[in-house]
Amino acid sequence: MRLSIRPPLSLSLALLLCGLAATPAGASASSPVTIAAVGDTILGNTPQLPSRPALYLRPISPQLRADAVFGNLEGTLTDASSSPKCGAGSSDCFAFRNPPRFARVLRGTGFTVMNDANNHFGDFGAAGEADTVRALHRAGIAQTGRPGEIAVRRVKGTTVAFLGFAPYANTASLTDLPAARRLIRRADRRAAIVVCMMHAGAEGAGETHVSGHEEHYLGEDRGNPERFARMAIRAGADLVLGSGPHVLRGMQLYRSRLIAYSLGNFANFHNFGGGGVLSLSAVLHVSLDPRGRLLAGHVTSVRLAGPGRPLVDQSHAAAHLIGRLSRQDFGQAAVRLGGRGRFLLPGRR
């Protein structure tokens, strides 16, 4: 079931913002919950935009079919014209914005939840942040990632909480582990399944491996992704998803929960660098039981073509890369992938 079948928008927003989406007493949930997830997504930078954004994303839309489809919005949805982030004439500063109407394109493509916890959410200041949240809500997309924020959706009788973390003051903190732990535990009390996205780790073509240490980029502390992800699982998260490095990274099972350390770039329009591993992307599909246990999963390999258009890659290069990185970084704890990206879970054929 897709989340397009939902209560009226005003009620949905009330549930999200007021925290009233708890499972009623006596309610039962037995059907698995399917989640599709992708990495960094932004369609150009006003005025350089795809002329027909829905058509631009149409080839990948069939892969974004699940009970919940979660992605990282690497930018803003605003018509604001000035950025407090980049000074006049700056040549090495990037501030990304799409028109607010692009939220409807994202919803039509399949997205139901977007993460705003990243280094581009504040590109156009508080006004840009408010415009982004408003545009997503009006399009029927839940959003998460601001300080203290938990988005809760009800799927097949199961409550699912979504959280986002990044190392910035305008987001739920990635580097303040005690605060992050408290927020995850609060989400765990409200929902049967907890999904966290972390915008964490160094970025670039040479950063495909999880270091196990604090990672930095341009002098900025981008956290210790492995330490954060494992803390999140211990605190109650059932699925941890990574974005930020702009490349794919490996996956591991920790306490029988899945950690996908980076899903790479998913879709852009001249926003990110390409070529080699920078052009390999993926759609992660998982099936969780109502207690958050992983039942099945697979990786759809994607290749970014031209200006950054996501297309299904029948060579399965992304799945092969993720499988190799997983084995190298996590050994026996690595997620094993079949040749076409299907999870080979212990005890299952």
C-alpha atoms as a PDB file:
ATOM      1  CA  MET A   1       0.000   0.000   0.000  1.00  0.00           C
ATOM      2  CA  ARG A   2       1.314   3.408  -0.881  1.00  0.00           C
ATOM      3  CA  LEU A   3       0.906   6.339   1.455  1.00  0.00           C
ATOM      4  CA  SER A   4      -1.238   8.140  -1.106  1.00  0.00           C
ATOM      5  CA  ILE A   5      -4.142   6.489   0.743  1.00  0.00           C
ATOM      6  CA  ARG A   6      -4.176   8.639   3.860  1.00  0.00           C
ATOM      7  CA  PRO A   7      -6.407  10.858   6.010  1.00  0.00           C
ATOM      8  CA  PRO A   8      -7.264  14.360   4.782  1.00  0.00           C
ATOM      9  CA  LEU A   9      -4.157  16.531   4.617  1.00  0.00           C
ATOM     10  CA  SER A  10      -5.146  18.725   7.557  1.00  0.00           C
ATOM     11  CA  LEU A  11      -5.547  15.669   9.778  1.00  0.00           C
ATOM     12  CA  SER A  12      -2.299  14.118   8.569  1.00  0.00           C
ATOM     13  CA  LEU A  13      -0.404  17.288   9.423  1.00  0.00           C
ATOM     14  CA  ALA A  14      -2.010  17.465  12.816  1.00  0.00           C
ATOM     15  CA  LEU A  15      -0.886  13.922  13.549  1.00  0.00           C
ATOM     16  CA  LEU A  16       2.635  14.685  12.376  1.00  0.00           C
ATOM     17  CA  LEU A  17       3.074  17.988  14.160  1.00  0.00           C
ATOM     18  CA  CYS A  18       1.211  17.244  17.360  1.00  0.00           C
ATOM     19  CA  GLY A  19       2.428  13.675  17.852  1.00  0.00           C
ATOM     20  CA  LEU A  20      -1.001  12.053  17.952  1.00  0.00           C
ATOM     21  CA  ALA A  21      -0.253   9.147  15.609  1.00  0.00           C
ATOM     22  CA  ALA A  22       0.197   6.486  18.250  1.00  0.00           C
ATOM     23  CA  THR A  23      -1.184   2.997  17.689  1.00  0.00           C
ATOM     24  CA  PRO A  24      -4.622   2.728  19.336  1.00  0.00           C
ATOM     25  CA  ALA A  25      -4.962   0.295  22.232  1.00  0.00           C
ATOM     26  CA  GLY A  26      -5.839  -3.168  21.030  1.00  0.00           C
ATOM     27  CA  ALA A  27      -4.874  -2.493  17.429  1.00  0.00           C
ATOM     28  CA  SER A  28      -3.097  -5.341  15.707  1.00  0.00           C
ATOM     29  CA  ALA A  29      -0.525  -5.157  12.944  1.00  0.00           C
ATOM     30  CA  SER A  30       0.642  -8.219  11.099  1.00  0.00           C
ATOM     31  CA  SER A  31       1.567  -7.120   7.588  1.00  0.00           C
ATOM     32  CA  PRO A  32       5.174  -6.311   6.725  1.00  0.00           C
ATOM     33  CA  VAL A  33       6.010  -2.664   6.093  1.00  0.00           C
ATOM     34  CA  THR A  34       7.963  -1.895   2.922  1.00  0.00           C
ATOM     35  CA  ILE A  35      10.339   1.056   2.751  1.00  0.00           C
ATOM     36  CA  ALA A  36      12.238   2.426  -0.237  1.00  0.00           C
ATOM     37  CA  ALA A  37      15.092   4.833   0.467  1.00  0.00           C
ATOM     38  CA  VAL A  38      17.488   6.962  -1.571  1.00  0.00           C
ATOM     39  CA  GLY A  39      20.261   9.450  -0.958  1.00  0.00           C
ATOM     40  CA  ASP A  40      20.881  13.078  -1.882  1.00  0.00           C
ATOM     41  CA  THR A  41      18.183  14.585  -4.098  1.00  0.00           C
ATOM     42  CA  ILE A  42      17.834  18.087  -5.586  1.00  0.00           C
ATOM     43  CA  LEU A  43      16.836  18.999  -9.133  1.00  0.00           C
ATOM     44  CA  GLY A  44      19.161  21.813 -10.110  1.00  0.00           C
ATOM     45  CA  ASN A  45      19.442  25.297  -8.734  1.00  0.00           C
ATOM     46  CA  THR A  46      17.116  28.126  -9.748  1.00  0.00           C
ATOM     47  CA  PRO A  47      17.238  29.306 -12.522  1.00  0.00           C
ATOM     48  CA  GLN A  48      19.141  26.261 -13.854  1.00  0.00           C
ATOM     49  CA  LEU A  49      16.393  23.639 -13.641  1.00  0.00           C
ATOM     50  CA  PRO A  50      15.106  20.726 -15.716  1.00  0.00           C
ATOM     51  CA  SER A  51      12.345  22.110 -17.932  1.00  0.00           C
ATOM     52  CA  ARG A  52      10.056  19.148 -17.213  1.00  0.00           C
ATOM     53  CA  PRO A  53      11.071  17.774 -13.804  1.00  0.00           C
ATOM     54  CA  ALA A  54       8.356  15.102 -13.649  1.00  0.00           C
ATOM     55  CA  LEU A  55       9.482  13.742 -17.000  1.00  0.00           C
ATOM     56  CA  TYR A  56      13.096  13.933 -15.836  1.00  0.00           C
ATOM     57  CA  LEU A  57      12.320  11.577 -12.942  1.00  0.00           C
ATOM     58  CA  ARG A  58       9.798   9.369 -14.727  1.00  0.00           C
ATOM     59  CA  PRO A  59      12.232   6.534 -15.610  1.00  0.00           C
ATOM     60  CA  ILE A  60      13.057   5.947 -11.940  1.00  0.00           C
ATOM     61  CA  SER A  61       9.537   6.432 -10.564  1.00  0.00           C
ATOM     62  CA  PRO A  62       8.558   2.718 -10.768  1.00  0.00           C
ATOM     63  CA  GLN A  63      11.353   1.970  -8.276  1.00  0.00           C
ATOM     64  CA  LEU A  64       9.847   4.380  -5.731  1.00  0.00           C
ATOM     65  CA  ARG A  65       6.884   2.219  -4.837  1.00  0.00           C
ATOM     66  CA  ALA A  66       6.609   1.183  -1.197  1.00  0.00           C
ATOM     67  CA  ASP A  67       4.562   1.864   1.902  1.00  0.00           C
ATOM     68  CA  ALA A  68       7.026   4.655   2.680  1.00  0.00           C
ATOM     69  CA  VAL A  69       9.567   6.270   0.341  1.00  0.00           C
ATOM     70  CA  PHE A  70      12.273   8.237   2.162  1.00  0.00           C
ATOM     71  CA  GLY A  71      14.922  10.508   0.651  1.00  0.00           C
ATOM     72  CA  ASN A  72      17.319  13.291   1.605  1.00  0.00           C
ATOM     73  CA  LEU A  73      16.335  16.688   0.184  1.00  0.00           C
ATOM     74  CA  GLU A  74      19.766  18.221  -0.389  1.00  0.00           C
ATOM     75  CA  GLY A  75      18.585  21.822  -0.648  1.00  0.00           C
ATOM     76  CA  THR A  76      15.550  24.049  -0.308  1.00  0.00           C
ATOM     77  CA  LEU A  77      12.151  24.567  -1.914  1.00  0.00           C
ATOM     78  CA  THR A  78      11.892  28.343  -1.956  1.00  0.00           C
ATOM     79  CA  ASP A  79      11.603  31.412  -4.150  1.00  0.00           C
ATOM     80  CA  ALA A  80      13.886  33.383  -1.829  1.00  0.00           C
ATOM     81  CA  SER A  81      16.485  35.247  -3.870  1.00  0.00           C
ATOM     82  CA  SER A  82      19.266  35.903  -1.376  1.00  0.00           C
ATOM     83  CA  SER A  83      21.399  33.435   0.536  1.00  0.00           C
ATOM     84  CA  PRO A  84      23.068  34.369   3.811  1.00  0.00           C
ATOM     85  CA  LYS A  85      25.386  31.416   3.235  1.00  0.00           C
ATOM     86  CA  CYS A  86      27.222  32.555   0.096  1.00  0.00           C
ATOM     87  CA  GLY A  87      28.682  36.033  -0.262  1.00  0.00           C
ATOM     88  CA  ALA A  88      28.458  38.043  -3.469  1.00  0.00           C
ATOM     89  CA  GLY A  89      30.841  36.738  -6.099  1.00  0.00           C
ATOM     90  CA  SER A  90      31.663  33.551  -4.194  1.00  0.00           C
ATOM     91  CA  SER A  91      32.969  30.825  -6.503  1.00  0.00           C
ATOM     92  CA  ASP A  92      33.317  27.908  -4.080  1.00  0.00           C
ATOM     93  CA  CYS A  93      30.060  28.146  -2.122  1.00  0.00           C
ATOM     94  CA  PHE A  94      26.954  26.202  -3.107  1.00  0.00           C
ATOM     95  CA  ALA A  95      23.414  27.212  -2.152  1.00  0.00           C
ATOM     96  CA  PHE A  96      20.688  25.018  -3.690  1.00  0.00           C
ATOM     97  CA  ARG A  97      17.064  25.925  -4.265  1.00  0.00           C
ATOM     98  CA  ASN A  98      14.185  24.545  -6.295  1.00  0.00           C
ATOM     99  CA  PRO A  99      10.782  26.219  -6.701  1.00  0.00           C
ATOM    100  CA  PRO A 100       8.225  25.176  -4.057  1.00  0.00           C
ATOM    101  CA  ARG A 101       6.123  23.566  -6.821  1.00  0.00           C
ATOM    102  CA  PHE A 102       8.845  20.908  -7.173  1.00  0.00           C
ATOM    103  CA  ALA A 103       7.471  19.356  -3.966  1.00  0.00           C
ATOM    104  CA  ARG A 104       4.502  18.117  -6.004  1.00  0.00           C
ATOM    105  CA  VAL A 105       6.944  16.582  -8.481  1.00  0.00           C
ATOM    106  CA  LEU A 106       8.660  14.696  -5.678  1.00  0.00           C
ATOM    107  CA  ARG A 107       5.308  13.462  -4.377  1.00  0.00           C
ATOM    108  CA  GLY A 108       4.189  12.418  -7.837  1.00  0.00           C
ATOM    109  CA  THR A 109       7.432  10.524  -8.333  1.00  0.00           C
ATOM    110  CA  GLY A 110       6.729   8.510  -5.185  1.00  0.00           C
ATOM    111  CA  PHE A 111       8.316  10.254  -2.191  1.00  0.00           C
ATOM    112  CA  THR A 112       6.300  10.263   1.022  1.00  0.00           C
ATOM    113  CA  VAL A 113       8.946  11.403   3.545  1.00  0.00           C
ATOM    114  CA  MET A 114      11.913  13.760   3.082  1.00  0.00           C
ATOM    115  CA  ASN A 115      14.838  14.482   5.367  1.00  0.00           C
ATOM    116  CA  ASP A 116      15.943  18.098   5.818  1.00  0.00           C
ATOM    117  CA  ALA A 117      18.867  17.411   8.159  1.00  0.00           C
ATOM    118  CA  ASN A 118      21.812  18.332   5.942  1.00  0.00           C
ATOM    119  CA  ASN A 119      24.240  21.133   5.124  1.00  0.00           C
ATOM    120  CA  HIS A 120      21.967  22.715   2.487  1.00  0.00           C
ATOM    121  CA  PHE A 121      18.711  23.065   4.444  1.00  0.00           C
ATOM    122  CA  GLY A 122      19.798  26.503   5.690  1.00  0.00           C
ATOM    123  CA  ASP A 123      21.116  27.762   2.336  1.00  0.00           C
ATOM    124  CA  PHE A 124      18.443  30.490   2.175  1.00  0.00           C
ATOM    125  CA  GLY A 125      18.065  31.183   5.854  1.00  0.00           C
ATOM    126  CA  ALA A 126      15.045  30.773   8.090  1.00  0.00           C
ATOM    127  CA  ALA A 127      12.690  31.914   5.329  1.00  0.00           C
ATOM    128  CA  GLY A 128      14.000  29.227   2.987  1.00  0.00           C
ATOM    129  CA  GLU A 129      13.632  26.587   5.682  1.00  0.00           C
ATOM    130  CA  ALA A 130      10.040  27.608   6.391  1.00  0.00           C
ATOM    131  CA  ASP A 131       9.202  27.658   2.676  1.00  0.00           C
ATOM    132  CA  THR A 132      10.661  24.168   2.276  1.00  0.00           C
ATOM    133  CA  VAL A 133       8.678  22.662   5.137  1.00  0.00           C
ATOM    134  CA  ARG A 134       5.492  24.367   3.955  1.00  0.00           C
ATOM    135  CA  ALA A 135       5.925  23.151   0.374  1.00  0.00           C
ATOM    136  CA  LEU A 136       6.505  19.556   1.464  1.00  0.00           C
ATOM    137  CA  HIS A 137       3.491  19.522   3.758  1.00  0.00           C
ATOM    138  CA  ARG A 138       1.238  21.040   1.113  1.00  0.00           C
ATOM    139  CA  ALA A 139       2.321  18.324  -1.301  1.00  0.00           C
ATOM    140  CA  GLY A 140       1.440  15.622   1.231  1.00  0.00           C
ATOM    141  CA  ILE A 141       5.043  14.743   2.070  1.00  0.00           C
ATOM    142  CA  ALA A 142       6.072  14.277   5.685  1.00  0.00           C
ATOM    143  CA  GLN A 143       9.393  15.867   6.598  1.00  0.00           C
ATOM    144  CA  THR A 144      11.844  15.494   9.402  1.00  0.00           C
ATOM    145  CA  GLY A 145      15.299  16.586  10.488  1.00  0.00           C
ATOM    146  CA  ARG A 146      14.829  19.792  12.474  1.00  0.00           C
ATOM    147  CA  PRO A 147      15.815  19.860  16.180  1.00  0.00           C
ATOM    148  CA  GLY A 148      13.535  17.597  18.204  1.00  0.00           C
ATOM    149  CA  GLU A 149      11.481  16.636  15.177  1.00  0.00           C
ATOM    150  CA  ILE A 150       9.833  13.230  14.730  1.00  0.00           C
ATOM    151  CA  ALA A 151       7.575  12.480  11.765  1.00  0.00           C
ATOM    152  CA  VAL A 152       5.138   9.652  12.436  1.00  0.00           C
ATOM    153  CA  ARG A 153       3.144   7.834   9.784  1.00  0.00           C
ATOM    154  CA  ARG A 154       0.679   4.989  10.201  1.00  0.00           C
ATOM    155  CA  VAL A 155       1.168   2.157   7.724  1.00  0.00           C
ATOM    156  CA  LYS A 156      -0.923  -1.025   7.643  1.00  0.00           C
ATOM    157  CA  GLY A 157      -1.794  -0.612  11.308  1.00  0.00           C
ATOM    158  CA  THR A 158       1.843  -0.004  12.269  1.00  0.00           C
ATOM    159  CA  THR A 159       3.232   3.349  13.394  1.00  0.00           C
ATOM    160  CA  VAL A 160       6.545   4.295  11.765  1.00  0.00           C
ATOM    161  CA  ALA A 161       8.701   7.180  13.011  1.00  0.00           C
ATOM    162  CA  PHE A 162      11.217   8.991  10.783  1.00  0.00           C
ATOM    163  CA  LEU A 163      14.096  11.101  12.103  1.00  0.00           C
ATOM    164  CA  GLY A 164      16.981  12.934  10.473  1.00  0.00           C
ATOM    165  CA  PHE A 165      20.336  13.981  11.955  1.00  0.00           C
ATOM    166  CA  ALA A 166      23.188  16.206  10.777  1.00  0.00           C
ATOM    167  CA  PRO A 167      25.969  18.197  12.500  1.00  0.00           C
ATOM    168  CA  TYR A 168      24.289  21.624  12.299  1.00  0.00           C
ATOM    169  CA  ALA A 169      22.446  23.920  14.698  1.00  0.00           C
ATOM    170  CA  ASN A 170      19.284  23.984  12.553  1.00  0.00           C
ATOM    171  CA  THR A 171      19.003  20.168  12.520  1.00  0.00           C
ATOM    172  CA  ALA A 172      18.707  17.366  15.028  1.00  0.00           C
ATOM    173  CA  SER A 173      22.296  16.979  16.151  1.00  0.00           C
ATOM    174  CA  LEU A 174      24.461  14.190  14.771  1.00  0.00           C
ATOM    175  CA  THR A 175      27.409  14.974  17.036  1.00  0.00           C
ATOM    176  CA  ASP A 176      25.559  15.432  20.352  1.00  0.00           C
ATOM    177  CA  LEU A 177      25.076  11.721  20.949  1.00  0.00           C
ATOM    178  CA  PRO A 178      23.208  12.001  24.282  1.00  0.00           C
ATOM    179  CA  ALA A 179      20.648  14.371  22.707  1.00  0.00           C
ATOM    180  CA  ALA A 180      20.287  12.130  19.649  1.00  0.00           C
ATOM    181  CA  ARG A 181      19.834   9.111  21.902  1.00  0.00           C
ATOM    182  CA  ARG A 182      17.050  10.832  23.830  1.00  0.00           C
ATOM    183  CA  LEU A 183      15.241  11.773  20.622  1.00  0.00           C
ATOM    184  CA  ILE A 184      15.462   8.236  19.222  1.00  0.00           C
ATOM    185  CA  ARG A 185      14.202   6.771  22.480  1.00  0.00           C
ATOM    186  CA  ARG A 186      11.282   9.195  22.408  1.00  0.00           C
ATOM    187  CA  ALA A 187      10.482   8.068  18.869  1.00  0.00           C
ATOM    188  CA  ASP A 188      10.723   4.433  19.954  1.00  0.00           C
ATOM    189  CA  ARG A 189       8.079   5.051  22.616  1.00  0.00           C
ATOM    190  CA  ARG A 190       5.744   6.567  20.015  1.00  0.00           C
ATOM    191  CA  ALA A 191       6.188   4.143  17.143  1.00  0.00           C
ATOM    192  CA  ALA A 192       6.645   0.440  16.496  1.00  0.00           C
ATOM    193  CA  ILE A 193       9.307   1.053  13.823  1.00  0.00           C
ATOM    194  CA  VAL A 194      11.941   3.797  13.941  1.00  0.00           C
ATOM    195  CA  VAL A 195      13.863   4.876  10.834  1.00  0.00           C
ATOM    196  CA  CYS A 196      16.813   7.284  11.122  1.00  0.00           C
ATOM    197  CA  MET A 197      18.672   9.100   8.370  1.00  0.00           C
ATOM    198  CA  MET A 198      22.131  10.455   9.179  1.00  0.00           C
ATOM    199  CA  HIS A 199      23.845  13.044   6.985  1.00  0.00           C
ATOM    200  CA  ALA A 200      27.275  11.956   8.057  1.00  0.00           C
ATOM    201  CA  GLY A 201      30.828  11.349   6.934  1.00  0.00           C
ATOM    202  CA  ALA A 202      33.463  12.837   4.674  1.00  0.00           C
ATOM    203  CA  GLU A 203      32.507  13.291   1.040  1.00  0.00           C
ATOM    204  CA  GLY A 204      34.023  12.684  -2.363  1.00  0.00           C
ATOM    205  CA  ALA A 205      35.120   9.910  -4.715  1.00  0.00           C
ATOM    206  CA  GLY A 206      37.766   8.709  -2.270  1.00  0.00           C
ATOM    207  CA  GLU A 207      35.364   8.320   0.659  1.00  0.00           C
ATOM    208  CA  THR A 208      33.579   5.057  -0.120  1.00  0.00           C
ATOM    209  CA  HIS A 209      34.866   3.318   3.024  1.00  0.00           C
ATOM    210  CA  VAL A 210      33.491   3.706   6.545  1.00  0.00           C
ATOM    211  CA  SER A 211      36.505   4.725   8.614  1.00  0.00           C
ATOM    212  CA  GLY A 212      35.192   3.894  12.076  1.00  0.00           C
ATOM    213  CA  HIS A 213      36.520   7.276  13.235  1.00  0.00           C
ATOM    214  CA  GLU A 214      35.398  10.899  13.307  1.00  0.00           C
ATOM    215  CA  GLU A 215      35.255  12.131   9.719  1.00  0.00           C
ATOM    216  CA  HIS A 216      35.851  15.682   8.477  1.00  0.00           C
ATOM    217  CA  TYR A 217      35.276  17.607   5.264  1.00  0.00           C
ATOM    218  CA  LEU A 218      36.723  21.078   4.593  1.00  0.00           C
ATOM    219  CA  GLY A 219      37.541  21.336   8.293  1.00  0.00           C
ATOM    220  CA  GLU A 220      33.979  20.489   9.345  1.00  0.00           C
ATOM    221  CA  ASP A 221      33.242  17.679  11.781  1.00  0.00           C
ATOM    222  CA  ARG A 222      30.895  15.302   9.940  1.00  0.00           C
ATOM    223  CA  GLY A 223      30.632  12.860  12.835  1.00  0.00           C
ATOM    224  CA  ASN A 224      31.595   9.230  13.275  1.00  0.00           C
ATOM    225  CA  PRO A 225      28.967   7.424  11.140  1.00  0.00           C
ATOM    226  CA  GLU A 226      29.619   3.980  12.586  1.00  0.00           C
ATOM    227  CA  ARG A 227      29.478   5.122  16.189  1.00  0.00           C
ATOM    228  CA  PHE A 228      26.326   7.144  15.570  1.00  0.00           C
ATOM    229  CA  ALA A 229      24.544   4.352  13.678  1.00  0.00           C
ATOM    230  CA  ARG A 230      25.280   1.728  16.310  1.00  0.00           C
ATOM    231  CA  MET A 231      24.172   4.092  19.071  1.00  0.00           C
ATOM    232  CA  ALA A 232      20.931   4.683  17.147  1.00  0.00           C
ATOM    233  CA  ILE A 233      20.222   0.954  16.925  1.00  0.00           C
ATOM    234  CA  ARG A 234      20.900   0.466  20.642  1.00  0.00           C
ATOM    235  CA  ALA A 235      18.574   3.397  21.408  1.00  0.00           C
ATOM    236  CA  GLY A 236      15.701   1.834  19.467  1.00  0.00           C
ATOM    237  CA  ALA A 237      16.183   2.527  15.748  1.00  0.00           C
ATOM    238  CA  ASP A 238      15.266  -0.351  13.442  1.00  0.00           C
ATOM    239  CA  LEU A 239      16.801   1.029  10.238  1.00  0.00           C
ATOM    240  CA  VAL A 240      19.609   3.573   9.803  1.00  0.00           C
ATOM    241  CA  LEU A 241      20.165   5.210   6.407  1.00  0.00           C
ATOM    242  CA  GLY A 242      23.127   7.338   5.373  1.00  0.00           C
ATOM    243  CA  SER A 243      23.469  10.318   3.069  1.00  0.00           C
ATOM    244  CA  GLY A 244      26.113  13.010   2.638  1.00  0.00           C
ATOM    245  CA  PRO A 245      29.308  11.375   1.311  1.00  0.00           C
ATOM    246  CA  HIS A 246      27.956  11.645  -2.284  1.00  0.00           C
ATOM    247  CA  VAL A 247      29.155   8.094  -2.917  1.00  0.00           C
ATOM    248  CA  LEU A 248      27.819   4.668  -2.037  1.00  0.00           C
ATOM    249  CA  ARG A 249      29.117   2.954   1.071  1.00  0.00           C
ATOM    250  CA  GLY A 250      28.726  -0.512   2.544  1.00  0.00           C
ATOM    251  CA  MET A 251      25.918  -1.996   4.622  1.00  0.00           C
ATOM    252  CA  GLN A 252      26.023  -4.051   7.783  1.00  0.00           C
ATOM    253  CA  LEU A 253      23.705  -5.891  10.129  1.00  0.00           C
ATOM    254  CA  TYR A 254      24.051  -4.756  13.730  1.00  0.00           C
ATOM    255  CA  ARG A 255      21.888  -6.434  16.361  1.00  0.00           C
ATOM    256  CA  SER A 256      19.870  -7.825  13.428  1.00  0.00           C
ATOM    257  CA  ARG A 257      19.097  -4.274  12.234  1.00  0.00           C
ATOM    258  CA  LEU A 258      20.270  -2.806   8.943  1.00  0.00           C
ATOM    259  CA  ILE A 259      22.670   0.110   8.613  1.00  0.00           C
ATOM    260  CA  ALA A 260      23.190   1.508   5.094  1.00  0.00           C
ATOM    261  CA  TYR A 261      26.069   3.951   5.544  1.00  0.00           C
ATOM    262  CA  SER A 262      25.529   5.986   2.384  1.00  0.00           C
ATOM    263  CA  LEU A 263      23.066   5.731  -0.485  1.00  0.00           C
ATOM    264  CA  GLY A 264      25.042   8.229  -2.560  1.00  0.00           C
ATOM    265  CA  ASN A 265      23.558  10.825  -4.880  1.00  0.00           C
ATOM    266  CA  PHE A 266      20.118   9.896  -6.146  1.00  0.00           C
ATOM    267  CA  ALA A 267      18.991  12.665  -8.511  1.00  0.00           C
ATOM    268  CA  ASN A 268      20.324  16.082  -9.441  1.00  0.00           C
ATOM    269  CA  PHE A 269      20.630  18.513 -12.345  1.00  0.00           C
ATOM    270  CA  HIS A 270      24.224  19.779 -12.532  1.00  0.00           C
ATOM    271  CA  ASN A 271      24.373  19.954  -8.707  1.00  0.00           C
ATOM    272  CA  PHE A 272      26.956  17.275  -7.936  1.00  0.00           C
ATOM    273  CA  GLY A 273      30.104  15.988  -9.564  1.00  0.00           C
ATOM    274  CA  GLY A 274      29.837  12.857 -11.695  1.00  0.00           C
ATOM    275  CA  GLY A 275      31.898  10.128 -13.266  1.00  0.00           C
ATOM    276  CA  GLY A 276      33.184   6.879 -11.810  1.00  0.00           C
ATOM    277  CA  VAL A 277      31.792   6.009  -8.389  1.00  0.00           C
ATOM    278  CA  LEU A 278      30.137   9.445  -8.172  1.00  0.00           C
ATOM    279  CA  SER A 279      27.690   8.326 -10.870  1.00  0.00           C
ATOM    280  CA  LEU A 280      26.679   5.102  -9.112  1.00  0.00           C
ATOM    281  CA  SER A 281      23.514   5.276  -7.046  1.00  0.00           C
ATOM    282  CA  ALA A 282      20.916   2.953  -5.606  1.00  0.00           C
ATOM    283  CA  VAL A 283      17.373   2.534  -4.376  1.00  0.00           C
ATOM    284  CA  LEU A 284      17.280   0.478  -1.197  1.00  0.00           C
ATOM    285  CA  HIS A 285      14.146  -1.629  -0.673  1.00  0.00           C
ATOM    286  CA  VAL A 286      13.495  -3.335   2.654  1.00  0.00           C
ATOM    287  CA  SER A 287      10.625  -5.224   4.217  1.00  0.00           C
ATOM    288  CA  LEU A 288      10.273  -5.020   8.002  1.00  0.00           C
ATOM    289  CA  ASP A 289       7.945  -6.895  10.276  1.00  0.00           C
ATOM    290  CA  PRO A 290       5.751  -4.824  12.648  1.00  0.00           C
ATOM    291  CA  ARG A 291       8.498  -4.997  15.274  1.00  0.00           C
ATOM    292  CA  GLY A 292      11.108  -3.591  12.898  1.00  0.00           C
ATOM    293  CA  ARG A 293      12.923  -6.839  12.151  1.00  0.00           C
ATOM    294  CA  LEU A 294      14.393  -7.151   8.678  1.00  0.00           C
ATOM    295  CA  LEU A 295      12.533  -9.714   6.581  1.00  0.00           C
ATOM    296  CA  ALA A 296      13.964  -9.055   3.125  1.00  0.00           C
ATOM    297  CA  GLY A 297      15.781  -6.439   1.090  1.00  0.00           C
ATOM    298  CA  HIS A 298      17.304  -5.643  -2.231  1.00  0.00           C
ATOM    299  CA  VAL A 299      19.279  -2.917  -3.934  1.00  0.00           C
ATOM    300  CA  THR A 300      18.203  -1.533  -7.293  1.00  0.00           C
ATOM    301  CA  SER A 301      21.317  -0.282  -9.054  1.00  0.00           C
ATOM    302  CA  VAL A 302      21.077   3.205 -10.532  1.00  0.00           C
ATOM    303  CA  ARG A 303      23.444   5.160 -12.728  1.00  0.00           C
ATOM    304  CA  LEU A 304      23.315   8.962 -12.993  1.00  0.00           C
ATOM    305  CA  ALA A 305      23.311   9.975 -16.635  1.00  0.00           C
ATOM    306  CA  GLY A 306      24.074  13.347 -18.221  1.00  0.00           C
ATOM    307  CA  PRO A 307      23.407  16.167 -15.739  1.00  0.00           C
ATOM    308  CA  GLY A 308      22.512  13.707 -12.967  1.00  0.00           C
ATOM    309  CA  ARG A 309      19.396  11.890 -14.163  1.00  0.00           C
ATOM    310  CA  PRO A 310      18.779   8.593 -12.323  1.00  0.00           C
ATOM    311  CA  LEU A 311      18.314   5.552 -14.575  1.00  0.00           C
ATOM    312  CA  VAL A 312      18.090   1.878 -13.647  1.00  0.00           C
ATOM    313  CA  ASP A 313      21.411   0.195 -14.387  1.00  0.00           C
ATOM    314  CA  GLN A 314      21.024  -3.346 -15.683  1.00  0.00           C
ATOM    315  CA  SER A 315      24.735  -4.028 -15.139  1.00  0.00           C
ATOM    316  CA  HIS A 316      24.041  -3.926 -11.360  1.00  0.00           C
ATOM    317  CA  ALA A 317      27.284  -2.019 -10.816  1.00  0.00           C
ATOM    318  CA  ALA A 318      26.035  -0.285  -7.668  1.00  0.00           C
ATOM    319  CA  ALA A 319      24.987  -3.557  -6.041  1.00  0.00           C
ATOM    320  CA  HIS A 320      28.382  -5.079  -6.841  1.00  0.00           C
ATOM    321  CA  LEU A 321      30.138  -2.052  -5.321  1.00  0.00           C
ATOM    322  CA  ILE A 322      28.003  -2.076  -2.163  1.00  0.00           C
ATOM    323  CA  GLY A 323      28.588  -5.797  -1.733  1.00  0.00           C
ATOM    324  CA  ARG A 324      32.346  -5.406  -2.071  1.00  0.00           C
ATOM    325  CA  LEU A 325      32.539  -2.422   0.294  1.00  0.00           C
ATOM    326  CA  SER A 326      30.363  -4.222   2.834  1.00  0.00           C
ATOM    327  CA  ARG A 327      32.659  -7.244   2.895  1.00  0.00           C
ATOM    328  CA  GLN A 328      35.791  -5.113   3.129  1.00  0.00           C
ATOM    329  CA  ASP A 329      34.521  -2.851   5.917  1.00  0.00           C
ATOM    330  CA  PHE A 330      32.375  -5.181   8.037  1.00  0.00           C
ATOM    331  CA  GLY A 331      33.489  -8.760   7.475  1.00  0.00           C
ATOM    332  CA  GLN A 332      31.071 -11.234   9.049  1.00  0.00           C
ATOM    333  CA  ALA A 333      28.620  -8.408   9.873  1.00  0.00           C
ATOM    334  CA  ALA A 334      28.391  -7.347   6.222  1.00  0.00           C
ATOM    335  CA  VAL A 335      25.143  -7.509   4.306  1.00  0.00           C
ATOM    336  CA  ARG A 336      25.616 -10.103   1.585  1.00  0.00           C
ATOM    337  CA  LEU A 337      24.102  -9.260  -1.792  1.00  0.00           C
ATOM    338  CA  GLY A 338      23.293 -11.576  -4.657  1.00  0.00           C
ATOM    339  CA  GLY A 339      24.332 -10.678  -8.190  1.00  0.00           C
ATOM    340  CA  ARG A 340      21.181  -8.644  -8.828  1.00  0.00           C
ATOM    341  CA  GLY A 341      21.262  -6.909  -5.448  1.00  0.00           C
ATOM    342  CA  ARG A 342      18.992  -9.212  -3.426  1.00  0.00           C
ATOM    343  CA  PHE A 343      19.865  -9.542   0.262  1.00  0.00           C
ATOM    344  CA  LEU A 344      21.150 -12.980   1.218  1.00  0.00           C
ATOM    345  CA  LEU A 345      20.072 -12.989   4.851  1.00  0.00           C
ATOM    346  CA  PRO A 346      21.278 -15.589   7.363  1.00  0.00           C
ATOM    347  CA  GLY A 347      18.952 -18.567   7.536  1.00  0.00           C
ATOM    348  CA  ARG A 348      17.087 -17.585   4.372  1.00  0.00           C
ATOM    349  CA  ARG A 349      17.463 -18.675   0.801  1.00  0.00           C
END
